[in-house]
Protein backbone atom coordinates (compact mmCIF):
# COMPACT_ATOMS: atom_id res chain seq x y z
CA MET A 1 0.19 -0.10 0.00
CA GLU A 2 1.28 3.37 -0.48
CA LYS A 3 2.28 5.63 1.84
CA TRP A 4 -0.47 8.11 2.60
CA LYS A 5 -0.42 11.82 2.91
CA ARG A 6 -0.79 13.83 5.86
CA SER A 7 -4.18 15.26 5.12
CA ALA A 8 -5.34 11.86 4.40
CA ARG A 9 -3.59 10.18 7.44
CA LEU A 10 -5.45 12.73 10.24
CA VAL A 11 -8.97 12.33 8.87
CA ASP A 12 -8.59 8.43 8.75
CA MET A 13 -6.74 8.73 12.06
CA THR A 14 -9.33 10.58 13.48
CA GLN A 15 -12.20 8.71 12.48
CA GLN A 16 -10.69 5.58 14.04
CA LEU A 17 -10.13 7.54 17.26
CA LEU A 18 -14.22 8.51 17.63
CA SER A 19 -15.26 5.03 16.66
CA GLN A 20 -13.71 3.62 19.61
CA PRO A 21 -13.65 5.76 22.72
CA TYR A 22 -11.75 4.01 25.52
CA ARG A 23 -9.75 1.75 23.61
CA LEU A 24 -5.86 2.12 23.59
CA VAL A 25 -4.75 1.86 20.10
CA PRO A 26 -0.84 1.01 19.89
CA LEU A 27 0.81 4.02 17.96
CA THR A 28 2.86 0.58 16.18
CA THR A 29 -1.13 0.28 14.59
CA PHE A 30 -1.07 3.51 12.76
CA ALA A 31 2.07 3.64 11.84
CA GLU A 32 1.57 -0.01 10.00
CA ARG A 33 -0.99 1.38 8.68
CA TYR A 34 -0.05 4.88 7.17
CA GLN A 35 2.96 3.32 6.57
CA SER A 36 4.48 5.82 8.23
CA ALA A 37 7.35 6.74 11.13
CA LYS A 38 5.86 6.40 14.58
CA SER A 39 7.36 9.88 15.38
CA SER A 40 5.29 12.16 12.60
CA ILE A 41 1.76 9.62 13.83
CA SER A 42 2.91 11.63 17.58
CA GLU A 43 3.11 14.96 15.65
CA ASP A 44 -0.27 13.86 13.68
CA LEU A 45 -1.75 12.95 17.08
CA ALA A 46 -0.74 15.83 18.86
CA ILE A 47 -2.88 17.82 16.07
CA ILE A 48 -5.86 15.75 16.31
CA HIS A 49 -5.84 16.32 20.39
CA GLU A 50 -5.11 19.92 19.51
CA VAL A 51 -8.53 20.24 17.51
CA PHE A 52 -10.42 18.34 20.46
CA SER A 53 -9.30 20.14 23.30
CA SER A 54 -9.89 23.74 21.79
CA GLU A 55 -13.21 22.35 20.56
CA GLY A 56 -14.08 20.60 23.42
CA SER A 57 -15.12 17.43 22.24
CA GLY A 58 -12.61 15.18 24.46
CA ARG A 59 -9.13 14.57 24.38
CA LEU A 60 -6.25 12.24 23.36
CA GLU A 61 -4.56 10.31 26.95
CA THR A 62 -1.78 8.35 25.98
CA VAL A 63 -0.20 5.40 27.40
CA ALA A 64 4.16 5.17 27.48
CA GLY A 65 5.61 2.03 27.44
CA ALA A 66 5.68 -1.28 25.17
CA ALA A 67 2.31 -1.76 25.57
CA GLY A 68 0.68 1.94 25.44
CA GLY A 69 -0.82 3.94 22.76
CA VAL A 70 -2.85 6.37 22.33
CA ARG A 71 -6.70 6.20 23.64
CA TYR A 72 -9.67 8.90 22.86
CA ILE A 73 -11.60 10.46 26.00
CA PRO A 74 -14.71 11.52 25.18
CA GLN A 75 -16.32 14.96 26.16
CA MET A 76 -18.28 17.88 25.74
CA ASP A 77 -17.61 20.88 27.10
CA LEU A 78 -19.84 23.45 28.97
CA ASP A 79 -21.38 25.72 26.64
CA HIS A 80 -22.14 22.95 24.24
CA ALA A 81 -23.68 20.91 27.08
CA ARG A 82 -25.66 23.71 28.18
CA GLN A 83 -26.75 24.49 24.77
CA VAL A 84 -28.44 20.85 24.57
CA LEU A 85 -29.08 21.00 27.92
CA ASP A 86 -31.03 24.29 27.38
CA GLU A 87 -32.91 22.38 24.30
CA ILE A 88 -34.56 20.11 26.45
CA CYS A 89 -35.65 21.71 29.55
CA GLU A 90 -37.46 24.29 26.30
CA ARG A 91 -39.37 20.76 25.00
CA LEU A 92 -40.21 19.40 28.16
CA ALA A 93 -41.79 22.76 28.92
CA ASN A 94 -44.24 21.96 26.07
CA PRO A 95 -47.25 21.58 27.85
CA GLU A 96 -48.95 19.37 24.87
CA ARG A 97 -46.55 16.59 27.23
CA ILE A 98 -48.97 16.46 29.95
CA LEU A 99 -50.40 13.06 30.25
CA PRO A 100 -53.58 12.72 32.56
CA GLY A 101 -52.16 11.90 36.10
CA GLY A 102 -49.69 15.01 35.40
CA PHE A 103 -47.05 12.65 33.79
CA LEU A 104 -44.91 13.75 30.82
CA TYR A 105 -45.11 11.98 27.79
CA LEU A 106 -41.15 11.77 27.28
CA SER A 107 -40.93 8.37 24.28
CA ASP A 108 -40.59 11.59 21.31
CA LEU A 109 -36.65 12.69 22.71
CA LEU A 110 -35.80 8.87 23.79
CA GLY A 111 -36.25 8.37 20.60
CA GLU A 112 -33.95 10.80 18.58
CA PRO A 113 -30.84 9.58 17.83
CA TRP A 114 -29.06 12.81 17.66
CA LEU A 115 -30.62 13.86 21.03
CA LEU A 116 -29.39 10.42 22.49
CA SER A 117 -25.83 11.11 21.59
CA HIS A 118 -25.29 14.41 23.21
CA ILE A 119 -27.12 12.99 26.49
CA GLY A 120 -24.76 9.53 26.45
CA LYS A 121 -21.47 12.15 25.92
CA ILE A 122 -22.84 14.23 28.96
CA PHE A 123 -23.16 11.47 30.95
CA ALA A 124 -19.74 10.24 29.68
CA THR A 125 -18.02 13.29 31.06
CA ALA A 126 -20.31 13.51 33.94
CA PHE A 127 -18.47 10.15 35.11
CA ALA A 128 -15.46 10.27 33.50
CA GLY A 129 -12.46 8.74 35.50
CA LYS A 130 -15.42 6.25 36.88
CA LYS A 131 -13.98 2.47 36.90
CA ILE A 132 -17.08 1.34 35.28
CA ASP A 133 -17.57 -2.26 34.39
CA ALA A 134 -21.33 -1.94 32.79
CA ILE A 135 -23.84 0.29 32.84
CA MET A 136 -27.60 -0.78 34.37
CA THR A 137 -31.05 0.57 34.03
CA VAL A 138 -34.53 -0.35 34.00
CA GLU A 139 -36.93 -1.25 31.23
CA THR A 140 -38.40 0.37 28.79
CA LYS A 141 -37.31 4.28 28.48
CA GLY A 142 -33.57 3.40 29.90
CA ILE A 143 -32.66 1.62 27.56
CA PRO A 144 -31.59 4.34 24.92
CA LEU A 145 -30.20 6.41 27.55
CA ALA A 146 -28.30 3.29 29.03
CA TYR A 147 -26.70 2.17 25.31
CA ALA A 148 -26.09 5.79 24.15
CA THR A 149 -24.03 6.14 27.57
CA ALA A 150 -22.39 2.80 26.69
CA GLN A 151 -21.19 3.74 22.95
CA TYR A 152 -18.89 6.66 24.47
CA LEU A 153 -17.76 4.96 27.52
CA GLN A 154 -17.48 1.43 25.57
CA VAL A 155 -19.04 -0.84 28.41
CA PRO A 156 -21.75 -3.47 28.50
CA VAL A 157 -25.48 -2.85 29.29
CA VAL A 158 -27.33 -4.19 32.02
CA ILE A 159 -31.06 -4.43 31.86
CA VAL A 160 -33.45 -4.82 35.17
CA ARG A 161 -36.49 -6.85 34.16
CA TYR A 162 -39.71 -5.99 36.15
CA ASP A 163 -41.06 -9.36 34.92
CA TYR A 164 -39.27 -12.85 34.44
CA ARG A 165 -38.18 -13.70 31.54
CA VAL A 166 -37.47 -17.93 30.93
CA THR A 167 -34.90 -16.27 28.74
CA GLU A 168 -33.28 -14.37 30.94
CA GLY A 169 -32.09 -17.70 32.75
CA SER A 170 -31.78 -17.55 36.53
CA VAL A 171 -32.18 -14.87 38.03
CA VAL A 172 -32.30 -12.68 41.18
CA THR A 173 -34.78 -10.42 42.58
CA VAL A 174 -35.38 -8.03 44.84
CA ASN A 175 -38.87 -6.14 45.77
CA THR A 176 -38.84 -2.24 45.88
CA VAL A 177 -41.42 0.26 46.49
CA SER A 178 -42.24 3.02 43.78
CA GLY A 179 -41.85 6.16 44.94
CA SER A 180 -44.78 7.72 43.62
CA SER A 181 -47.38 5.02 43.89
CA ARG A 182 -46.48 3.49 46.73
CA ARG A 183 -46.90 -0.13 45.31
CA MET A 184 -44.79 -2.75 45.19
CA LYS A 185 -42.75 -4.17 42.73
CA GLN A 186 -40.52 -6.49 42.16
CA LEU A 187 -37.16 -6.16 39.59
CA SER A 188 -35.17 -9.24 38.86
CA LEU A 189 -31.48 -9.43 37.07
CA SER A 190 -30.41 -12.50 35.30
CA LYS A 191 -27.25 -13.95 36.98
CA ARG A 192 -25.74 -14.30 34.10
CA SER A 193 -25.87 -10.55 33.12
CA LEU A 194 -23.31 -9.11 35.59
CA GLU A 195 -20.29 -10.60 37.35
CA GLU A 196 -19.87 -10.51 40.86
CA GLY A 197 -17.90 -7.66 42.29
CA SER A 198 -18.80 -5.28 39.51
CA HIS A 199 -18.21 -1.80 39.30
CA VAL A 200 -21.47 -0.03 38.01
CA LEU A 201 -22.98 2.95 36.15
CA ILE A 202 -27.40 3.43 36.70
CA ILE A 203 -28.62 5.54 34.29
CA ASP A 204 -32.21 5.93 33.82
CA ASP A 205 -35.10 8.48 32.30
CA PHE A 206 -36.95 9.66 35.44
CA MET A 207 -36.73 9.87 38.86
CA LYS A 208 -38.91 11.19 41.86
CA ALA A 209 -38.34 9.68 45.48
CA GLY A 210 -35.86 6.92 43.86
CA GLY A 211 -37.73 4.02 44.39
CA THR A 212 -36.81 1.84 41.17
CA VAL A 213 -32.95 3.14 41.70
CA ARG A 214 -33.03 2.13 45.15
CA GLY A 215 -34.52 -1.53 44.32
CA MET A 216 -31.67 -1.06 41.61
CA ILE A 217 -29.03 -0.85 44.35
CA ASP A 218 -29.80 -3.24 46.14
CA LEU A 219 -30.19 -5.50 43.27
CA LEU A 220 -26.61 -4.79 42.69
CA ALA A 221 -25.73 -5.32 46.11
CA GLU A 222 -26.80 -9.19 45.81
CA PHE A 223 -23.91 -9.35 43.06
CA LYS A 224 -21.68 -7.54 45.52
CA ALA A 225 -21.24 -4.78 42.93
CA LYS A 226 -20.32 -1.27 43.47
CA VAL A 227 -22.27 1.78 41.81
CA VAL A 228 -20.51 4.39 41.44
CA GLY A 229 -22.73 6.91 40.03
CA VAL A 230 -26.66 7.63 39.24
CA GLY A 231 -27.38 9.80 36.45
CA VAL A 232 -31.25 10.68 35.28
CA MET A 233 -32.61 12.89 32.12
CA VAL A 234 -35.07 14.15 34.20
CA GLU A 235 -35.80 14.85 38.04
CA THR A 236 -38.54 15.85 39.79
CA PRO A 237 -38.32 16.81 43.28
CA ALA A 238 -40.18 13.95 45.98
CA GLU A 239 -40.80 15.29 49.88
CA GLU A 240 -39.05 12.25 50.24
CA GLN A 241 -35.90 11.14 48.62
CA LEU A 242 -34.91 7.61 48.69
CA ILE A 243 -31.02 8.18 46.55
CA ASP A 244 -28.26 11.12 47.52
CA GLY A 245 -25.59 11.77 45.66
CA PHE A 246 -27.58 11.77 41.99
CA VAL A 247 -26.79 13.31 39.12
CA SER A 248 -29.54 15.11 37.29
CA LEU A 249 -29.57 16.47 33.51
CA THR A 250 -33.01 18.45 34.05
CA GLN A 251 -35.27 19.38 36.66
CA VAL A 252 -38.50 19.39 36.53
CA THR A 253 -40.00 21.16 39.87
CA GLU A 254 -43.83 21.74 38.91
CA VAL A 255 -46.65 20.36 36.04
CA ASP A 256 -49.96 22.48 36.86
CA VAL A 257 -52.69 19.83 34.86
CA LYS A 258 -55.33 22.63 35.49
CA LYS A 259 -53.30 25.58 34.14
CA ARG A 260 -51.45 23.21 31.36
CA GLU A 261 -47.75 24.72 32.54
CA ILE A 262 -44.82 22.89 33.64
CA SER A 263 -42.15 24.44 35.01
CA VAL A 264 -38.32 23.16 33.75
CA GLY A 265 -34.38 23.85 35.05
CA LEU A 266 -31.52 22.77 34.35
CA GLY A 267 -30.56 19.53 36.66
CA ASN A 268 -27.75 19.36 39.42
CA LEU A 269 -25.16 18.35 37.00
CA PHE A 270 -24.84 21.83 35.52
CA MET A 271 -25.30 23.80 38.85
CA GLU A 272 -22.61 22.21 39.89
CA LYS A 273 -20.56 22.48 37.51
CA GLU A 274 -21.37 26.49 37.35
CA GLU A 275 -19.70 26.04 41.05
CA ARG A 276 -16.62 24.74 40.55
CA SER A 277 -16.11 27.06 37.02
């Protein structure tokens, strides 16, 4: 194969890194692919890193040594994250989302690939640096968010079920109380889906009192797993909060069914980041 031109190398190398976040790529892999010296590859990577950093889209992490290489760490800067979250807040405030009982319709947001990709990257940024072996969510609406986040963190997704399915094999089941209805629910997870002692990130679409998330935490205790974080797309305040230390992207503070009004603001993730800035 002919030696690649630098412009072609930069484009292809960028694509390779973006498509494999967190995967360590040896410099020899790039050198052999492009028929170029490692010194030239290092210069190319420095250019890519500078662009990623200046655009707030991530960074390159270099690992020294014979088994070393470079990996792409996805990130989203505050300005871009705010634009995404402001759009979500604006769309959540649409009174047409109000359903009987004061519930909100979210399925359209959870079905947009562009929006899901951005939310996944925000969660990946929020929990960057933590050891994560798997992402856990509960069926069904949390599944798109979990996979969007897993795409950037490059870890598997495990799905908690409300009902036992024979295709899951042997399962572990716990009981939990729904924070809104106070009804007892059963949560089940296949024994084969998660290794004992795993570090798990919980991702869900909506949380009020946190009963379902509390159930997932109790379920993980049966696997002797460690919960490294909890992220939710929409939080709504509750008098009795069962979960502490969670990360929310947006917050619905009031749903007035009579006036057909929804009060929405940024979640605690962005507020905490602003305080640290």
